[in-house]
PDB file of N, CA and C in Angstrom:
ATOM      1  N   MET A   1     -15.344 186.558  51.292  1.00  0.00           N
ATOM      2  CA  MET A   1     -15.417 185.180  51.747  1.00  0.00           C
ATOM      3  C   MET A   1     -14.980 185.135  53.209  1.00  0.00           C
ATOM      4  N   THR A   2     -15.854 184.601  54.062  1.00  0.00           N
ATOM      5  CA  THR A   2     -15.496 184.404  55.455  1.00  0.00           C
ATOM      6  C   THR A   2     -15.770 182.970  55.846  1.00  0.00           C
ATOM      7  N   VAL A   3     -14.768 182.325  56.366  1.00  0.00           N
ATOM      8  CA  VAL A   3     -14.935 181.011  56.968  1.00  0.00           C
ATOM      9  C   VAL A   3     -14.478 181.117  58.406  1.00  0.00           C
ATOM     10  N   TYR A   4     -14.881 180.159  59.211  1.00  0.00           N
ATOM     11  CA  TYR A   4     -14.650 180.195  60.650  1.00  0.00           C
ATOM     12  C   TYR A   4     -14.027 178.889  61.095  1.00  0.00           C
ATOM     13  N   ILE A   5     -13.241 178.972  62.180  1.00  0.00           N
ATOM     14  CA  ILE A   5     -12.605 177.775  62.724  1.00  0.00           C
ATOM     15  C   ILE A   5     -12.677 177.834  64.244  1.00  0.00           C
ATOM     16  N   ASP A   6     -12.979 176.691  64.850  1.00  0.00           N
ATOM     17  CA  ASP A   6     -12.983 176.627  66.311  1.00  0.00           C
ATOM     18  C   ASP A   6     -11.645 176.071  66.794  1.00  0.00           C
ATOM     19  N   PRO A   7     -11.364 176.212  68.086  1.00  0.00           N
ATOM     20  CA  PRO A   7     -10.085 175.718  68.618  1.00  0.00           C
ATOM     21  C   PRO A   7      -9.969 174.200  68.454  1.00  0.00           C
ATOM     22  N   PRO A   8      -8.759 173.688  68.364  1.00  0.00           N
ATOM     23  CA  PRO A   8      -8.568 172.239  68.223  1.00  0.00           C
ATOM     24  C   PRO A   8      -8.813 171.520  69.552  1.00  0.00           C
ATOM     25  N   ASN A   9     -10.090 171.361  69.885  1.00  0.00           N
ATOM     26  CA  ASN A   9     -10.503 170.746  71.152  1.00  0.00           C
ATOM     27  C   ASN A   9     -11.104 169.364  70.983  1.00  0.00           C
ATOM     28  N   TRP A  10     -11.137 168.836  69.781  1.00  0.00           N
ATOM     29  CA  TRP A  10     -11.853 167.600  69.509  1.00  0.00           C
ATOM     30  C   TRP A  10     -10.866 166.457  69.264  1.00  0.00           C
ATOM     31  N   PRO A  11     -10.809 165.453  70.175  1.00  0.00           N
ATOM     32  CA  PRO A  11      -9.859 164.348  70.017  1.00  0.00           C
ATOM     33  C   PRO A  11     -10.337 163.330  68.980  1.00  0.00           C
ATOM     34  N   GLY A  12      -9.369 162.740  68.303  1.00  0.00           N
ATOM     35  CA  GLY A  12      -9.660 161.664  67.367  1.00  0.00           C
ATOM     36  C   GLY A  12      -8.412 161.201  66.662  1.00  0.00           C
ATOM     37  N   HIS A  13      -8.264 159.916  66.538  1.00  0.00           N
ATOM     38  CA  HIS A  13      -7.132 159.327  65.804  1.00  0.00           C
ATOM     39  C   HIS A  13      -5.785 159.808  66.345  1.00  0.00           C
ATOM     40  N   GLY A  14      -5.690 159.954  67.663  1.00  0.00           N
ATOM     41  CA  GLY A  14      -4.420 160.307  68.294  1.00  0.00           C
ATOM     42  C   GLY A  14      -4.009 161.763  68.163  1.00  0.00           C
ATOM     43  N   ARG A  15      -4.938 162.630  67.765  1.00  0.00           N
ATOM     44  CA  ARG A  15      -4.618 164.058  67.666  1.00  0.00           C
ATOM     45  C   ARG A  15      -5.849 164.882  67.994  1.00  0.00           C
ATOM     46  N   MET A  16      -5.676 166.192  67.981  1.00  0.00           N
ATOM     47  CA  MET A  16      -6.775 167.109  68.264  1.00  0.00           C
ATOM     48  C   MET A  16      -7.193 167.790  66.957  1.00  0.00           C
ATOM     49  N   TRP A  17      -8.491 168.136  66.859  1.00  0.00           N
ATOM     50  CA  TRP A  17      -9.062 168.634  65.613  1.00  0.00           C
ATOM     51  C   TRP A  17      -9.880 169.898  65.839  1.00  0.00           C
ATOM     52  N   SER A  18      -9.957 170.705  64.802  1.00  0.00           N
ATOM     53  CA  SER A  18     -10.820 171.881  64.721  1.00  0.00           C
ATOM     54  C   SER A  18     -11.856 171.633  63.639  1.00  0.00           C
ATOM     55  N   HIS A  19     -12.889 172.482  63.639  1.00  0.00           N
ATOM     56  CA  HIS A  19     -13.908 172.435  62.592  1.00  0.00           C
ATOM     57  C   HIS A  19     -13.855 173.732  61.795  1.00  0.00           C
ATOM     58  N   LEU A  20     -13.782 173.600  60.497  1.00  0.00           N
ATOM     59  CA  LEU A  20     -13.753 174.736  59.582  1.00  0.00           C
ATOM     60  C   LEU A  20     -15.114 174.798  58.900  1.00  0.00           C
ATOM     61  N   VAL A  21     -15.796 175.953  59.012  1.00  0.00           N
ATOM     62  CA  VAL A  21     -17.153 176.087  58.468  1.00  0.00           C
ATOM     63  C   VAL A  21     -17.315 177.404  57.725  1.00  0.00           C
ATOM     64  N   SER A  22     -18.386 177.461  56.926  1.00  0.00           N
ATOM     65  CA  SER A  22     -18.802 178.688  56.261  1.00  0.00           C
ATOM     66  C   SER A  22     -20.189 179.051  56.768  1.00  0.00           C
ATOM     67  N   ASP A  23     -20.489 180.328  56.777  1.00  0.00           N
ATOM     68  CA  ASP A  23     -21.847 180.758  57.107  1.00  0.00           C
ATOM     69  C   ASP A  23     -22.583 181.221  55.853  1.00  0.00           C
ATOM     70  N   VAL A  24     -22.019 180.900  54.673  1.00  0.00           N
ATOM     71  CA  VAL A  24     -22.622 181.309  53.404  1.00  0.00           C
ATOM     72  C   VAL A  24     -22.995 180.093  52.547  1.00  0.00           C
ATOM     73  N   SER A  25     -22.011 179.229  52.265  1.00  0.00           N
ATOM     74  CA  SER A  25     -22.284 178.093  51.380  1.00  0.00           C
ATOM     75  C   SER A  25     -21.190 177.038  51.502  1.00  0.00           C
ATOM     76  N   TYR A  26     -21.548 175.831  51.084  1.00  0.00           N
ATOM     77  CA  TYR A  26     -20.546 174.772  51.025  1.00  0.00           C
ATOM     78  C   TYR A  26     -19.531 175.071  49.935  1.00  0.00           C
ATOM     79  N   ALA A  27     -19.969 175.710  48.847  1.00  0.00           N
ATOM     80  CA  ALA A  27     -19.047 176.063  47.761  1.00  0.00           C
ATOM     81  C   ALA A  27     -17.931 176.959  48.280  1.00  0.00           C
ATOM     82  N   GLU A  28     -18.298 177.954  49.093  1.00  0.00           N
ATOM     83  CA  GLU A  28     -17.300 178.843  49.686  1.00  0.00           C
ATOM     84  C   GLU A  28     -16.335 178.048  50.564  1.00  0.00           C
ATOM     85  N   LEU A  29     -16.871 177.162  51.364  1.00  0.00           N
ATOM     86  CA  LEU A  29     -16.055 176.341  52.260  1.00  0.00           C
ATOM     87  C   LEU A  29     -15.111 175.439  51.473  1.00  0.00           C
ATOM     88  N   HIS A  30     -15.631 174.780  50.447  1.00  0.00           N
ATOM     89  CA  HIS A  30     -14.786 173.891  49.633  1.00  0.00           C
ATOM     90  C   HIS A  30     -13.668 174.672  48.935  1.00  0.00           C
ATOM     91  N   ALA A  31     -13.973 175.863  48.460  1.00  0.00           N
ATOM     92  CA  ALA A  31     -12.957 176.682  47.792  1.00  0.00           C
ATOM     93  C   ALA A  31     -11.856 177.082  48.763  1.00  0.00           C
ATOM     94  N   PHE A  32     -12.234 177.500  49.963  1.00  0.00           N
ATOM     95  CA  PHE A  32     -11.253 177.892  50.976  1.00  0.00           C
ATOM     96  C   PHE A  32     -10.355 176.706  51.327  1.00  0.00           C
ATOM     97  N   ALA A  33     -10.986 175.557  51.575  1.00  0.00           N
ATOM     98  CA  ALA A  33     -10.224 174.355  51.931  1.00  0.00           C
ATOM     99  C   ALA A  33      -9.282 173.957  50.800  1.00  0.00           C
ATOM    100  N   ALA A  34      -9.756 174.010  49.581  1.00  0.00           N
ATOM    101  CA  ALA A  34      -8.909 173.655  48.433  1.00  0.00           C
ATOM    102  C   ALA A  34      -7.716 174.595  48.334  1.00  0.00           C
ATOM    103  N   ASP A  35      -7.939 175.883  48.557  1.00  0.00           N
ATOM    104  CA  ASP A  35      -6.827 176.850  48.523  1.00  0.00           C
ATOM    105  C   ASP A  35      -5.784 176.542  49.588  1.00  0.00           C
ATOM    106  N   MET A  36      -6.230 175.960  50.709  1.00  0.00           N
ATOM    107  CA  MET A  36      -5.303 175.564  51.785  1.00  0.00           C
ATOM    108  C   MET A  36      -4.631 174.223  51.499  1.00  0.00           C
ATOM    109  N   GLY A  37      -5.110 173.515  50.481  1.00  0.00           N
ATOM    110  CA  GLY A  37      -4.571 172.188  50.193  1.00  0.00           C
ATOM    111  C   GLY A  37      -5.188 171.091  51.037  1.00  0.00           C
ATOM    112  N   VAL A  38      -6.352 171.364  51.627  1.00  0.00           N
ATOM    113  CA  VAL A  38      -7.048 170.370  52.438  1.00  0.00           C
ATOM    114  C   VAL A  38      -7.806 169.434  51.501  1.00  0.00           C
ATOM    115  N   LEU A  39      -7.637 168.153  51.694  1.00  0.00           N
ATOM    116  CA  LEU A  39      -8.289 167.160  50.853  1.00  0.00           C
ATOM    117  C   LEU A  39      -9.788 167.109  51.117  1.00  0.00           C
ATOM    118  N   ARG A  40     -10.559 166.852  50.085  1.00  0.00           N
ATOM    119  CA  ARG A  40     -12.021 166.819  50.199  1.00  0.00           C
ATOM    120  C   ARG A  40     -12.486 165.736  51.178  1.00  0.00           C
ATOM    121  N   ARG A  41     -11.696 164.691  51.354  1.00  0.00           N
ATOM    122  CA  ARG A  41     -12.102 163.630  52.287  1.00  0.00           C
ATOM    123  C   ARG A  41     -12.147 164.116  53.739  1.00  0.00           C
ATOM    124  N   ALA A  42     -11.587 165.298  54.012  1.00  0.00           N
ATOM    125  CA  ALA A  42     -11.654 165.874  55.359  1.00  0.00           C
ATOM    126  C   ALA A  42     -12.997 166.555  55.615  1.00  0.00           C
ATOM    127  N   PHE A  43     -13.869 166.617  54.593  1.00  0.00           N
ATOM    128  CA  PHE A  43     -15.193 167.214  54.736  1.00  0.00           C
ATOM    129  C   PHE A  43     -16.140 166.192  55.335  1.00  0.00           C
ATOM    130  N   GLU A  44     -16.835 166.596  56.402  1.00  0.00           N
ATOM    131  CA  GLU A  44     -17.789 165.705  57.061  1.00  0.00           C
ATOM    132  C   GLU A  44     -19.117 166.427  57.259  1.00  0.00           C
ATOM    133  N   ARG A  45     -20.100 166.088  56.459  1.00  0.00           N
ATOM    134  CA  ARG A  45     -21.466 166.623  56.509  1.00  0.00           C
ATOM    135  C   ARG A  45     -21.565 168.131  56.275  1.00  0.00           C
ATOM    136  N   ASP A  46     -20.963 168.953  57.153  1.00  0.00           N
ATOM    137  CA  ASP A  46     -21.132 170.407  57.055  1.00  0.00           C
ATOM    138  C   ASP A  46     -19.881 171.185  57.444  1.00  0.00           C
ATOM    139  N   HIS A  47     -18.773 170.472  57.623  1.00  0.00           N
ATOM    140  CA  HIS A  47     -17.522 171.113  58.048  1.00  0.00           C
ATOM    141  C   HIS A  47     -16.324 170.290  57.586  1.00  0.00           C
ATOM    142  N   TYR A  48     -15.170 170.924  57.627  1.00  0.00           N
ATOM    143  CA  TYR A  48     -13.906 170.214  57.426  1.00  0.00           C
ATOM    144  C   TYR A  48     -13.268 169.985  58.781  1.00  0.00           C
ATOM    145  N   ASP A  49     -12.738 168.791  58.983  1.00  0.00           N
ATOM    146  CA  ASP A  49     -11.940 168.498  60.169  1.00  0.00           C
ATOM    147  C   ASP A  49     -10.506 168.905  59.858  1.00  0.00           C
ATOM    148  N   ILE A  50      -9.972 169.793  60.689  1.00  0.00           N
ATOM    149  CA  ILE A  50      -8.631 170.340  60.493  1.00  0.00           C
ATOM    150  C   ILE A  50      -7.760 169.924  61.682  1.00  0.00           C
ATOM    151  N   PRO A  51      -6.653 169.215  61.460  1.00  0.00           N
ATOM    152  CA  PRO A  51      -5.800 168.822  62.583  1.00  0.00           C
ATOM    153  C   PRO A  51      -5.142 170.051  63.221  1.00  0.00           C
ATOM    154  N   SER A  52      -4.844 169.928  64.500  1.00  0.00           N
ATOM    155  CA  SER A  52      -4.335 171.065  65.274  1.00  0.00           C
ATOM    156  C   SER A  52      -3.099 171.707  64.649  1.00  0.00           C
ATOM    157  N   HIS A  53      -2.239 170.929  64.010  1.00  0.00           N
ATOM    158  CA  HIS A  53      -1.029 171.523  63.432  1.00  0.00           C
ATOM    159  C   HIS A  53      -1.350 172.407  62.222  1.00  0.00           C
ATOM    160  N   ARG A  54      -2.553 172.277  61.638  1.00  0.00           N
ATOM    161  CA  ARG A  54      -2.958 173.114  60.498  1.00  0.00           C
ATOM    162  C   ARG A  54      -3.800 174.321  60.925  1.00  0.00           C
ATOM    163  N   TYR A  55      -4.151 174.387  62.200  1.00  0.00           N
ATOM    164  CA  TYR A  55      -4.954 175.505  62.710  1.00  0.00           C
ATOM    165  C   TYR A  55      -4.320 176.864  62.380  1.00  0.00           C
ATOM    166  N   PRO A  56      -3.031 177.057  62.668  1.00  0.00           N
ATOM    167  CA  PRO A  56      -2.415 178.352  62.314  1.00  0.00           C
ATOM    168  C   PRO A  56      -2.468 178.654  60.818  1.00  0.00           C
ATOM    169  N   ASP A  57      -2.365 177.616  59.986  1.00  0.00           N
ATOM    170  CA  ASP A  57      -2.447 177.814  58.536  1.00  0.00           C
ATOM    171  C   ASP A  57      -3.815 178.357  58.138  1.00  0.00           C
ATOM    172  N   ALA A  58      -4.864 177.814  58.747  1.00  0.00           N
ATOM    173  CA  ALA A  58      -6.227 178.265  58.441  1.00  0.00           C
ATOM    174  C   ALA A  58      -6.423 179.718  58.860  1.00  0.00           C
ATOM    175  N   VAL A  59      -5.905 180.074  60.014  1.00  0.00           N
ATOM    176  CA  VAL A  59      -6.028 181.455  60.497  1.00  0.00           C
ATOM    177  C   VAL A  59      -5.246 182.405  59.585  1.00  0.00           C
ATOM    178  N   ARG A  60      -4.033 182.008  59.205  1.00  0.00           N
ATOM    179  CA  ARG A  60      -3.244 182.846  58.284  1.00  0.00           C
ATOM    180  C   ARG A  60      -3.947 183.010  56.936  1.00  0.00           C
ATOM    181  N   ALA A  61      -4.676 181.980  56.514  1.00  0.00           N
ATOM    182  CA  ALA A  61      -5.387 182.028  55.231  1.00  0.00           C
ATOM    183  C   ALA A  61      -6.665 182.867  55.313  1.00  0.00           C
ATOM    184  N   GLY A  62      -7.041 183.263  56.546  1.00  0.00           N
ATOM    185  CA  GLY A  62      -8.200 184.146  56.694  1.00  0.00           C
ATOM    186  C   GLY A  62      -9.362 183.603  57.486  1.00  0.00           C
ATOM    187  N   ALA A  63      -9.260 182.386  58.005  1.00  0.00           N
ATOM    188  CA  ALA A  63     -10.348 181.852  58.830  1.00  0.00           C
ATOM    189  C   ALA A  63     -10.447 182.664  60.119  1.00  0.00           C
ATOM    190  N   VAL A  64     -11.664 182.950  60.522  1.00  0.00           N
ATOM    191  CA  VAL A  64     -11.928 183.720  61.736  1.00  0.00           C
ATOM    192  C   VAL A  64     -12.056 182.744  62.908  1.00  0.00           C
ATOM    193  N   GLU A  65     -11.314 183.012  63.967  1.00  0.00           N
ATOM    194  CA  GLU A  65     -11.336 182.150  65.144  1.00  0.00           C
ATOM    195  C   GLU A  65     -12.598 182.419  65.963  1.00  0.00           C
ATOM    196  N   VAL A  66     -13.354 181.352  66.230  1.00  0.00           N
ATOM    197  CA  VAL A  66     -14.571 181.437  67.030  1.00  0.00           C
ATOM    198  C   VAL A  66     -14.645 180.220  67.947  1.00  0.00           C
ATOM    199  N   SER A  67     -15.556 180.263  68.896  1.00  0.00           N
ATOM    200  CA  SER A  67     -15.751 179.128  69.802  1.00  0.00           C
ATOM    201  C   SER A  67     -16.492 178.004  69.075  1.00  0.00           C
ATOM    202  N   SER A  68     -16.452 176.829  69.651  1.00  0.00           N
ATOM    203  CA  SER A  68     -17.177 175.694  69.087  1.00  0.00           C
ATOM    204  C   SER A  68     -18.676 175.956  69.102  1.00  0.00           C
ATOM    205  N   ARG A  69     -19.149 176.595  70.118  1.00  0.00           N
ATOM    206  CA  ARG A  69     -20.566 176.947  70.210  1.00  0.00           C
ATOM    207  C   ARG A  69     -20.951 177.897  69.071  1.00  0.00           C
ATOM    208  N   GLU A  70     -20.063 178.832  68.763  1.00  0.00           N
ATOM    209  CA  GLU A  70     -20.317 179.786  67.684  1.00  0.00           C
ATOM    210  C   GLU A  70     -20.343 179.085  66.323  1.00  0.00           C
ATOM    211  N   VAL A  71     -19.506 178.076  66.133  1.00  0.00           N
ATOM    212  CA  VAL A  71     -19.512 177.306  64.891  1.00  0.00           C
ATOM    213  C   VAL A  71     -20.901 176.712  64.659  1.00  0.00           C
ATOM    214  N   VAL A  72     -21.470 176.105  65.692  1.00  0.00           N
ATOM    215  CA  VAL A  72     -22.799 175.500  65.570  1.00  0.00           C
ATOM    216  C   VAL A  72     -23.841 176.583  65.300  1.00  0.00           C
ATOM    217  N   ARG A  73     -23.769 177.705  65.990  1.00  0.00           N
ATOM    218  CA  ARG A  73     -24.714 178.798  65.789  1.00  0.00           C
ATOM    219  C   ARG A  73     -24.648 179.321  64.351  1.00  0.00           C
ATOM    220  N   LEU A  74     -23.433 179.486  63.830  1.00  0.00           N
ATOM    221  CA  LEU A  74     -23.254 179.967  62.460  1.00  0.00           C
ATOM    222  C   LEU A  74     -23.850 178.995  61.443  1.00  0.00           C
ATOM    223  N   LEU A  75     -23.605 177.707  61.633  1.00  0.00           N
ATOM    224  CA  LEU A  75     -24.148 176.709  60.715  1.00  0.00           C
ATOM    225  C   LEU A  75     -25.678 176.706  60.741  1.00  0.00           C
ATOM    226  N   HIS A  76     -26.253 176.752  61.936  1.00  0.00           N
ATOM    227  CA  HIS A  76     -27.710 176.788  62.048  1.00  0.00           C
ATOM    228  C   HIS A  76     -28.267 178.052  61.403  1.00  0.00           C
ATOM    229  N   GLY A  77     -27.658 179.187  61.695  1.00  0.00           N
ATOM    230  CA  GLY A  77     -28.126 180.464  61.163  1.00  0.00           C
ATOM    231  C   GLY A  77     -28.110 180.513  59.644  1.00  0.00           C
ATOM    232  N   ALA A  78     -27.158 179.837  59.047  1.00  0.00           N
ATOM    233  CA  ALA A  78     -27.029 179.822  57.588  1.00  0.00           C
ATOM    234  C   ALA A  78     -27.865 178.711  56.945  1.00  0.00           C
ATOM    235  N   GLY A  79     -28.454 177.855  57.772  1.00  0.00           N
ATOM    236  CA  GLY A  79     -29.204 176.722  57.233  1.00  0.00           C
ATOM    237  C   GLY A  79     -28.310 175.639  56.664  1.00  0.00           C
ATOM    238  N   LEU A  80     -27.056 175.601  57.097  1.00  0.00           N
ATOM    239  CA  LEU A  80     -26.084 174.640  56.561  1.00  0.00           C
ATOM    240  C   LEU A  80     -25.803 173.466  57.497  1.00  0.00           C
ATOM    241  N   ARG A  81     -26.437 173.440  58.673  1.00  0.00           N
ATOM    242  CA  ARG A  81     -26.167 172.374  59.637  1.00  0.00           C
ATOM    243  C   ARG A  81     -26.754 171.072  59.135  1.00  0.00           C
ATOM    244  N   ARG A  82     -25.934 170.043  59.078  1.00  0.00           N
ATOM    245  CA  ARG A  82     -26.378 168.694  58.712  1.00  0.00           C
ATOM    246  C   ARG A  82     -26.058 167.772  59.869  1.00  0.00           C
ATOM    247  N   ARG A  83     -27.059 167.275  60.504  1.00  0.00           N
ATOM    248  CA  ARG A  83     -26.855 166.365  61.638  1.00  0.00           C
ATOM    249  C   ARG A  83     -26.520 164.958  61.144  1.00  0.00           C
ATOM    250  N   LYS A  84     -25.837 164.221  62.018  1.00  0.00           N
ATOM    251  CA  LYS A  84     -25.587 162.815  61.721  1.00  0.00           C
ATOM    252  C   LYS A  84     -26.927 162.108  61.681  1.00  0.00           C
ATOM    253  N   THR A  85     -27.069 161.206  60.739  1.00  0.00           N
ATOM    254  CA  THR A  85     -28.295 160.422  60.687  1.00  0.00           C
ATOM    255  C   THR A  85     -28.079 159.135  61.471  1.00  0.00           C
ATOM    256  N   HIS A  86     -29.050 158.806  62.267  1.00  0.00           N
ATOM    257  CA  HIS A  86     -28.972 157.593  63.087  1.00  0.00           C
ATOM    258  C   HIS A  86     -29.530 156.425  62.295  1.00  0.00           C
ATOM    259  N   VAL A  87     -28.747 155.399  62.140  1.00  0.00           N
ATOM    260  CA  VAL A  87     -29.191 154.193  61.450  1.00  0.00           C
ATOM    261  C   VAL A  87     -29.390 153.112  62.506  1.00  0.00           C
ATOM    262  N   PRO A  88     -30.646 152.724  62.744  1.00  0.00           N
ATOM    263  CA  PRO A  88     -30.895 151.708  63.767  1.00  0.00           C
ATOM    264  C   PRO A  88     -30.244 150.369  63.408  1.00  0.00           C
ATOM    265  N   ARG A  89     -29.713 149.733  64.399  1.00  0.00           N
ATOM    266  CA  ARG A  89     -29.108 148.408  64.182  1.00  0.00           C
ATOM    267  C   ARG A  89     -30.139 147.336  64.525  1.00  0.00           C
ATOM    268  N   GLY A  90     -29.999 146.224  63.868  1.00  0.00           N
ATOM    269  CA  GLY A  90     -30.784 145.146  64.324  1.00  0.00           C
ATOM    270  C   GLY A  90     -31.679 144.497  63.418  1.00  0.00           C
TER     271      GLY A  90
END
């Protein structure tokens, strides 16, 4: 099982966030996150949002550190990338 995490470079809700992804399956990703005690509500489309203070925990648990660009490449390569859907207003 290999999951990947990018640096906590993404601001939101007064803190910085990382993205935790799998290049194999969502099942693998959900299992890894559950083992870390990450709540399922932290899953967004194709990744888990991990707050910066949990980044070291993910690495200790076995997540491989990669760049944000690499996270996107891995998701695309695995066919797991889910883009946000645009809902027109009006």
